[in-house]
Every structure is written in C-alpha cells, then in structure tokens.
C-alpha cells in the first residue's frame, strides 16, 4: 500500500478517536489532528534525509502516537486495524499512567529505545512539534522543565535520526525565547 493511502486511512481513524473526546490543542480551539499531522509531516520530511527508513510504518505510528494515551482506543483495536508492530510502537510512545509523573518520561524513553529507529523518530518529531509557543497557562518553571525534558529526549535518542535530532536541537535553542 502506498504512503498516501496509509496516511488517509490512519489520519481518519486518529481524527475520529480524538474527536470522540473533543480533544483540542492545549489553550486553543484548534483540532488535535493538527498536532498529529504536524508530527507526520516531520516524519515525511525526515524520510527524505534518512536511509533505510520505513515511511509507511513511521507515518502510521506518528498519526496514532497519542491514541492510547489520550483516547478510548485499545491496544487490541490498534492491533486489529494496523497490525501488531504499529500497536507495539504506539504502546512504547504511551506514558504509563500508573507511574508517578516524574518517572513517566524516562520509562517511555526506555521502552522507545528498545524499538525500531522509526519509533525514535516519532518521539523526536513529537517533541519538535510541541516546542512551539507554550500554552499561556504554563509558568516559567513548567516551560523550563519542558525544555529540559526535550534535552533528555535528544540525549537519550541520540543516534536514532540525525535529521530530526538537528531539528530538535534547533527547536530547543529557539524555545529559549519563552523562558524568563
């Protein structure tokens, strides 16, 4: 199946799941699908700069990366609709809600680091996309912590995708403007 068909099928599934819970981008009325499509766009561009990259797989995971964490979607649903490999990739990108907040990111990064490099790329792309202007509700402490978390992601996933690592490094530097 070509990437365009995969993209269309997957974005429709993800959009419907996020619409069920009326999810929007934090502090905006923008539909959450914009975030998902931005992550997928990073993946599409990165694929042109990356050898031996499974674009179809990475695109599906990029569009679905928040479905288990944020919606009522189940692992079984993902497995039936997109296959075990995609479902397991999404699981690796999903924070474990049973862990204390301060352990969630490192746990997820540990699970991501055991996956294919395309999963690493999705995590890098996700943080690149999220390092835009922070929500108005975030104070300087939260913004600083978010930037520091981005540095940990970059360090932990070093060697996964040089193109996206350089993009994230740049975004981290640009994010300085939002710190007091």
C-alpha atoms as a PDB file:
ATOM      1  CA  UNK A   1       0.000   0.000   0.000  1.00  0.00           C
ATOM      2  CA  UNK A   2       1.322   3.487  -0.835  1.00  0.00           C
ATOM      3  CA  UNK A   3       2.033   6.062   1.866  1.00  0.00           C
ATOM      4  CA  UNK A   4      -0.791   8.355   0.712  1.00  0.00           C
ATOM      5  CA  UNK A   5      -3.406   5.621   1.213  1.00  0.00           C
ATOM      6  CA  UNK A   6      -1.883   4.660   4.560  1.00  0.00           C
ATOM      7  CA  UNK A   7      -1.855   8.307   5.642  1.00  0.00           C
ATOM      8  CA  UNK A   8      -5.501   8.842   4.682  1.00  0.00           C
ATOM      9  CA  UNK A   9      -6.734   5.679   6.407  1.00  0.00           C
ATOM     10  CA  UNK A  10      -4.716   6.379   9.557  1.00  0.00           C
ATOM     11  CA  UNK A  11      -5.499  10.084   9.905  1.00  0.00           C
ATOM     12  CA  UNK A  12      -9.224   9.391   9.583  1.00  0.00           C
ATOM     13  CA  UNK A  13      -9.020   6.755  12.333  1.00  0.00           C
ATOM     14  CA  UNK A  14      -6.958   9.019  14.626  1.00  0.00           C
ATOM     15  CA  UNK A  15      -9.127  12.077  13.962  1.00  0.00           C
ATOM     16  CA  UNK A  16     -12.317  10.225  14.824  1.00  0.00           C
ATOM     17  CA  UNK A  17     -10.760   8.900  18.051  1.00  0.00           C
ATOM     18  CA  UNK A  18      -9.601  12.345  19.170  1.00  0.00           C
ATOM     19  CA  UNK A  19     -12.936  13.929  18.155  1.00  0.00           C
ATOM     20  CA  UNK A  20     -14.817  11.438  20.360  1.00  0.00           C
ATOM     21  CA  UNK A  21     -13.293  13.159  23.381  1.00  0.00           C
ATOM     22  CA  UNK A  22     -13.386  16.660  21.830  1.00  0.00           C
ATOM     23  CA  UNK A  23      -9.618  16.961  22.194  1.00  0.00           C
ATOM     24  CA  UNK A  24      -8.065  20.214  21.029  1.00  0.00           C
ATOM     25  CA  UNK A  25      -4.540  21.577  21.127  1.00  0.00           C
ATOM     26  CA  UNK A  26      -3.907  22.931  24.633  1.00  0.00           C
ATOM     27  CA  UNK A  27      -5.068  26.540  25.156  1.00  0.00           C
ATOM     28  CA  UNK A  28      -6.599  26.742  21.683  1.00  0.00           C
ATOM     29  CA  UNK A  29      -9.691  25.712  19.802  1.00  0.00           C
ATOM     30  CA  UNK A  30      -7.613  24.012  17.142  1.00  0.00           C
ATOM     31  CA  UNK A  31      -8.499  20.372  16.487  1.00  0.00           C
ATOM     32  CA  UNK A  32      -5.934  17.887  17.780  1.00  0.00           C
ATOM     33  CA  UNK A  33      -5.489  16.414  14.307  1.00  0.00           C
ATOM     34  CA  UNK A  34      -3.288  19.433  13.516  1.00  0.00           C
ATOM     35  CA  UNK A  35      -0.727  18.182  16.040  1.00  0.00           C
ATOM     36  CA  UNK A  36      -0.904  14.663  14.609  1.00  0.00           C
ATOM     37  CA  UNK A  37      -0.486  15.865  11.038  1.00  0.00           C
ATOM     38  CA  UNK A  38       2.451  18.088  12.072  1.00  0.00           C
ATOM     39  CA  UNK A  39       4.216  15.100  13.643  1.00  0.00           C
ATOM     40  CA  UNK A  40       3.559  13.093  10.468  1.00  0.00           C
ATOM     41  CA  UNK A  41       4.887  15.981   8.360  1.00  0.00           C
ATOM     42  CA  UNK A  42       8.158  15.909  10.318  1.00  0.00           C
ATOM     43  CA  UNK A  43       8.353  12.164   9.617  1.00  0.00           C
ATOM     44  CA  UNK A  44       7.626  12.614   5.900  1.00  0.00           C
ATOM     45  CA  UNK A  45      10.382  15.227   5.533  1.00  0.00           C
ATOM     46  CA  UNK A  46      12.831  13.243   7.676  1.00  0.00           C
ATOM     47  CA  UNK A  47      12.319  10.197   5.459  1.00  0.00           C
ATOM     48  CA  UNK A  48      13.925  12.115   2.578  1.00  0.00           C
ATOM     49  CA  UNK A  49      17.043  12.619   4.716  1.00  0.00           C
ATOM     50  CA  UNK A  50      17.212   9.124   6.216  1.00  0.00           C
ATOM     51  CA  UNK A  51      18.437   5.905   4.641  1.00  0.00           C
ATOM     52  CA  UNK A  52      16.601   2.647   5.285  1.00  0.00           C
ATOM     53  CA  UNK A  53      13.533   4.309   6.777  1.00  0.00           C
ATOM     54  CA  UNK A  54      10.146   2.556   6.824  1.00  0.00           C
ATOM     55  CA  UNK A  55       7.989   5.553   5.942  1.00  0.00           C
ATOM     56  CA  UNK A  56       4.692   3.654   5.906  1.00  0.00           C
ATOM     57  CA  UNK A  57       5.248   2.291   9.412  1.00  0.00           C
ATOM     58  CA  UNK A  58       6.542   5.598  10.804  1.00  0.00           C
ATOM     59  CA  UNK A  59       3.630   7.548   9.301  1.00  0.00           C
ATOM     60  CA  UNK A  60       1.070   5.272  10.917  1.00  0.00           C
ATOM     61  CA  UNK A  61       2.766   5.480  14.309  1.00  0.00           C
ATOM     62  CA  UNK A  62       3.118   9.266  14.014  1.00  0.00           C
ATOM     63  CA  UNK A  63      -0.589   9.711  13.378  1.00  0.00           C
ATOM     64  CA  UNK A  64      -1.579   7.240  16.108  1.00  0.00           C
ATOM     65  CA  UNK A  65       1.050   8.085  18.737  1.00  0.00           C
ATOM     66  CA  UNK A  66      -1.405   9.671  21.203  1.00  0.00           C
ATOM     67  CA  UNK A  67      -4.424   7.407  20.687  1.00  0.00           C
ATOM     68  CA  UNK A  68      -3.727   5.028  23.574  1.00  0.00           C
ATOM     69  CA  UNK A  69      -2.670   7.810  25.933  1.00  0.00           C
ATOM     70  CA  UNK A  70      -5.411  10.314  25.180  1.00  0.00           C
ATOM     71  CA  UNK A  71      -8.440   8.461  23.782  1.00  0.00           C
ATOM     72  CA  UNK A  72     -10.543   5.375  24.484  1.00  0.00           C
ATOM     73  CA  UNK A  73      -8.652   3.402  21.834  1.00  0.00           C
ATOM     74  CA  UNK A  74      -7.415  -0.002  22.971  1.00  0.00           C
ATOM     75  CA  UNK A  75      -4.284  -1.918  22.069  1.00  0.00           C
ATOM     76  CA  UNK A  76      -6.493  -4.627  20.539  1.00  0.00           C
ATOM     77  CA  UNK A  77      -8.205  -2.067  18.314  1.00  0.00           C
ATOM     78  CA  UNK A  78      -4.868  -0.768  17.041  1.00  0.00           C
ATOM     79  CA  UNK A  79      -3.583  -4.301  16.528  1.00  0.00           C
ATOM     80  CA  UNK A  80      -6.664  -5.318  14.520  1.00  0.00           C
ATOM     81  CA  UNK A  81      -6.727  -2.163  12.423  1.00  0.00           C
ATOM     82  CA  UNK A  82      -2.982  -1.541  11.879  1.00  0.00           C
ATOM     83  CA  UNK A  83      -1.072  -4.654  12.979  1.00  0.00           C
ATOM     84  CA  UNK A  84       0.945  -5.701  15.991  1.00  0.00           C
ATOM     85  CA  UNK A  85       4.089  -3.750  15.069  1.00  0.00           C
ATOM     86  CA  UNK A  86       2.221  -0.431  14.863  1.00  0.00           C
ATOM     87  CA  UNK A  87       0.295  -1.170  18.074  1.00  0.00           C
ATOM     88  CA  UNK A  88       3.506  -2.006  19.953  1.00  0.00           C
ATOM     89  CA  UNK A  89       5.162   1.156  18.633  1.00  0.00           C
ATOM     90  CA  UNK A  90       2.265   3.251  19.915  1.00  0.00           C
ATOM     91  CA  UNK A  91       2.497   1.482  23.293  1.00  0.00           C
ATOM     92  CA  UNK A  92       6.181   2.409  23.557  1.00  0.00           C
ATOM     93  CA  UNK A  93       5.285   6.066  22.929  1.00  0.00           C
ATOM     94  CA  UNK A  94       2.487   5.979  25.515  1.00  0.00           C
ATOM     95  CA  UNK A  95       3.259   7.193  29.016  1.00  0.00           C
ATOM     96  CA  UNK A  96       2.377   4.707  31.750  1.00  0.00           C
ATOM     97  CA  UNK A  97      -0.430   6.358  33.735  1.00  0.00           C
ATOM     98  CA  UNK A  98       0.313   4.183  36.774  1.00  0.00           C
ATOM     99  CA  UNK A  99       3.740   5.723  37.326  1.00  0.00           C
ATOM    100  CA  UNK A 100       4.489   8.930  39.236  1.00  0.00           C
ATOM    101  CA  UNK A 101       4.688  11.948  36.895  1.00  0.00           C
ATOM    102  CA  UNK A 102       8.456  12.312  37.299  1.00  0.00           C
ATOM    103  CA  UNK A 103       9.042   8.698  36.121  1.00  0.00           C
ATOM    104  CA  UNK A 104       6.712   8.644  33.103  1.00  0.00           C
ATOM    105  CA  UNK A 105       9.036  10.198  30.517  1.00  0.00           C
ATOM    106  CA  UNK A 106      12.094   8.113  31.395  1.00  0.00           C
ATOM    107  CA  UNK A 107      10.013   4.934  31.401  1.00  0.00           C
ATOM    108  CA  UNK A 108       8.649   5.779  27.958  1.00  0.00           C
ATOM    109  CA  UNK A 109      12.118   6.665  26.630  1.00  0.00           C
ATOM    110  CA  UNK A 110      13.423   3.352  27.935  1.00  0.00           C
ATOM    111  CA  UNK A 111      10.684   1.492  26.053  1.00  0.00           C
ATOM    112  CA  UNK A 112      11.214   3.616  22.917  1.00  0.00           C
ATOM    113  CA  UNK A 113      14.946   2.888  22.936  1.00  0.00           C
ATOM    114  CA  UNK A 114      14.156  -0.839  22.556  1.00  0.00           C
ATOM    115  CA  UNK A 115      12.087  -0.191  19.414  1.00  0.00           C
ATOM    116  CA  UNK A 116      12.949   0.366  15.758  1.00  0.00           C
ATOM    117  CA  UNK A 117      14.533   3.724  14.872  1.00  0.00           C
ATOM    118  CA  UNK A 118      11.256   4.874  13.298  1.00  0.00           C
ATOM    119  CA  UNK A 119       9.718   4.928  16.797  1.00  0.00           C
ATOM    120  CA  UNK A 120      12.646   7.035  17.963  1.00  0.00           C
ATOM    121  CA  UNK A 121      11.957   9.364  15.032  1.00  0.00           C
ATOM    122  CA  UNK A 122       8.287   9.737  16.012  1.00  0.00           C
ATOM    123  CA  UNK A 123       9.261  10.743  19.560  1.00  0.00           C
ATOM    124  CA  UNK A 124      11.744  13.294  18.232  1.00  0.00           C
ATOM    125  CA  UNK A 125       9.137  14.622  15.778  1.00  0.00           C
ATOM    126  CA  UNK A 126       6.531  14.840  18.533  1.00  0.00           C
ATOM    127  CA  UNK A 127       8.761  16.999  20.717  1.00  0.00           C
ATOM    128  CA  UNK A 128       9.819  19.149  17.753  1.00  0.00           C
ATOM    129  CA  UNK A 129       6.152  19.825  17.070  1.00  0.00           C
ATOM    130  CA  UNK A 130       5.422  20.531  20.734  1.00  0.00           C
ATOM    131  CA  UNK A 131       8.258  23.054  21.088  1.00  0.00           C
ATOM    132  CA  UNK A 132       6.138  25.834  19.630  1.00  0.00           C
ATOM    133  CA  UNK A 133       4.912  28.780  21.666  1.00  0.00           C
ATOM    134  CA  UNK A 134       3.965  27.233  25.033  1.00  0.00           C
ATOM    135  CA  UNK A 135       0.419  27.331  26.384  1.00  0.00           C
ATOM    136  CA  UNK A 136      -0.434  30.571  28.231  1.00  0.00           C
ATOM    137  CA  UNK A 137      -1.246  28.551  31.328  1.00  0.00           C
ATOM    138  CA  UNK A 138       2.379  27.388  31.711  1.00  0.00           C
ATOM    139  CA  UNK A 139       4.546  29.339  34.121  1.00  0.00           C
ATOM    140  CA  UNK A 140       8.307  29.729  33.649  1.00  0.00           C
ATOM    141  CA  UNK A 141       9.028  26.679  35.802  1.00  0.00           C
ATOM    142  CA  UNK A 142       6.854  24.473  33.569  1.00  0.00           C
ATOM    143  CA  UNK A 143       8.354  25.940  30.383  1.00  0.00           C
ATOM    144  CA  UNK A 144      11.883  25.387  31.700  1.00  0.00           C
ATOM    145  CA  UNK A 145      11.081  21.812  32.740  1.00  0.00           C
ATOM    146  CA  UNK A 146       9.608  21.123  29.297  1.00  0.00           C
ATOM    147  CA  UNK A 147      12.780  22.369  27.611  1.00  0.00           C
ATOM    148  CA  UNK A 148      14.927  20.260  29.950  1.00  0.00           C
ATOM    149  CA  UNK A 149      12.782  17.228  29.125  1.00  0.00           C
ATOM    150  CA  UNK A 150      13.420  17.914  25.427  1.00  0.00           C
ATOM    151  CA  UNK A 151      17.159  17.847  26.115  1.00  0.00           C
ATOM    152  CA  UNK A 152      16.778  14.449  27.828  1.00  0.00           C
ATOM    153  CA  UNK A 153      14.825  13.140  24.826  1.00  0.00           C
ATOM    154  CA  UNK A 154      17.549  14.393  22.483  1.00  0.00           C
ATOM    155  CA  UNK A 155      20.310  12.836  24.583  1.00  0.00           C
ATOM    156  CA  UNK A 156      18.525   9.500  25.107  1.00  0.00           C
ATOM    157  CA  UNK A 157      17.537   9.058  21.465  1.00  0.00           C
ATOM    158  CA  UNK A 158      20.876  10.252  20.095  1.00  0.00           C
ATOM    159  CA  UNK A 159      21.794   8.247  17.014  1.00  0.00           C
ATOM    160  CA  UNK A 160      18.197   7.470  16.072  1.00  0.00           C
ATOM    161  CA  UNK A 161      17.733  10.037  13.315  1.00  0.00           C
ATOM    162  CA  UNK A 162      20.332  12.742  12.726  1.00  0.00           C
ATOM    163  CA  UNK A 163      17.978  14.945  10.694  1.00  0.00           C
ATOM    164  CA  UNK A 164      15.343  15.057  13.447  1.00  0.00           C
ATOM    165  CA  UNK A 165      17.997  15.371  16.159  1.00  0.00           C
ATOM    166  CA  UNK A 166      19.293  18.518  14.449  1.00  0.00           C
ATOM    167  CA  UNK A 167      15.734  19.844  14.130  1.00  0.00           C
ATOM    168  CA  UNK A 168      15.086  19.208  17.825  1.00  0.00           C
ATOM    169  CA  UNK A 169      18.378  20.809  18.834  1.00  0.00           C
ATOM    170  CA  UNK A 170      17.341  23.916  16.877  1.00  0.00           C
ATOM    171  CA  UNK A 171      13.866  23.964  18.426  1.00  0.00           C
ATOM    172  CA  UNK A 172      15.358  23.703  21.919  1.00  0.00           C
ATOM    173  CA  UNK A 173      17.527  26.748  21.183  1.00  0.00           C
ATOM    174  CA  UNK A 174      14.558  28.679  19.754  1.00  0.00           C
ATOM    175  CA  UNK A 175      12.491  27.792  22.824  1.00  0.00           C
ATOM    176  CA  UNK A 176      14.836  29.909  24.971  1.00  0.00           C
ATOM    177  CA  UNK A 177      12.785  32.956  23.916  1.00  0.00           C
ATOM    178  CA  UNK A 178       9.886  31.683  26.045  1.00  0.00           C
ATOM    179  CA  UNK A 179      11.923  31.475  29.246  1.00  0.00           C
ATOM    180  CA  UNK A 180      12.215  34.329  31.732  1.00  0.00           C
END
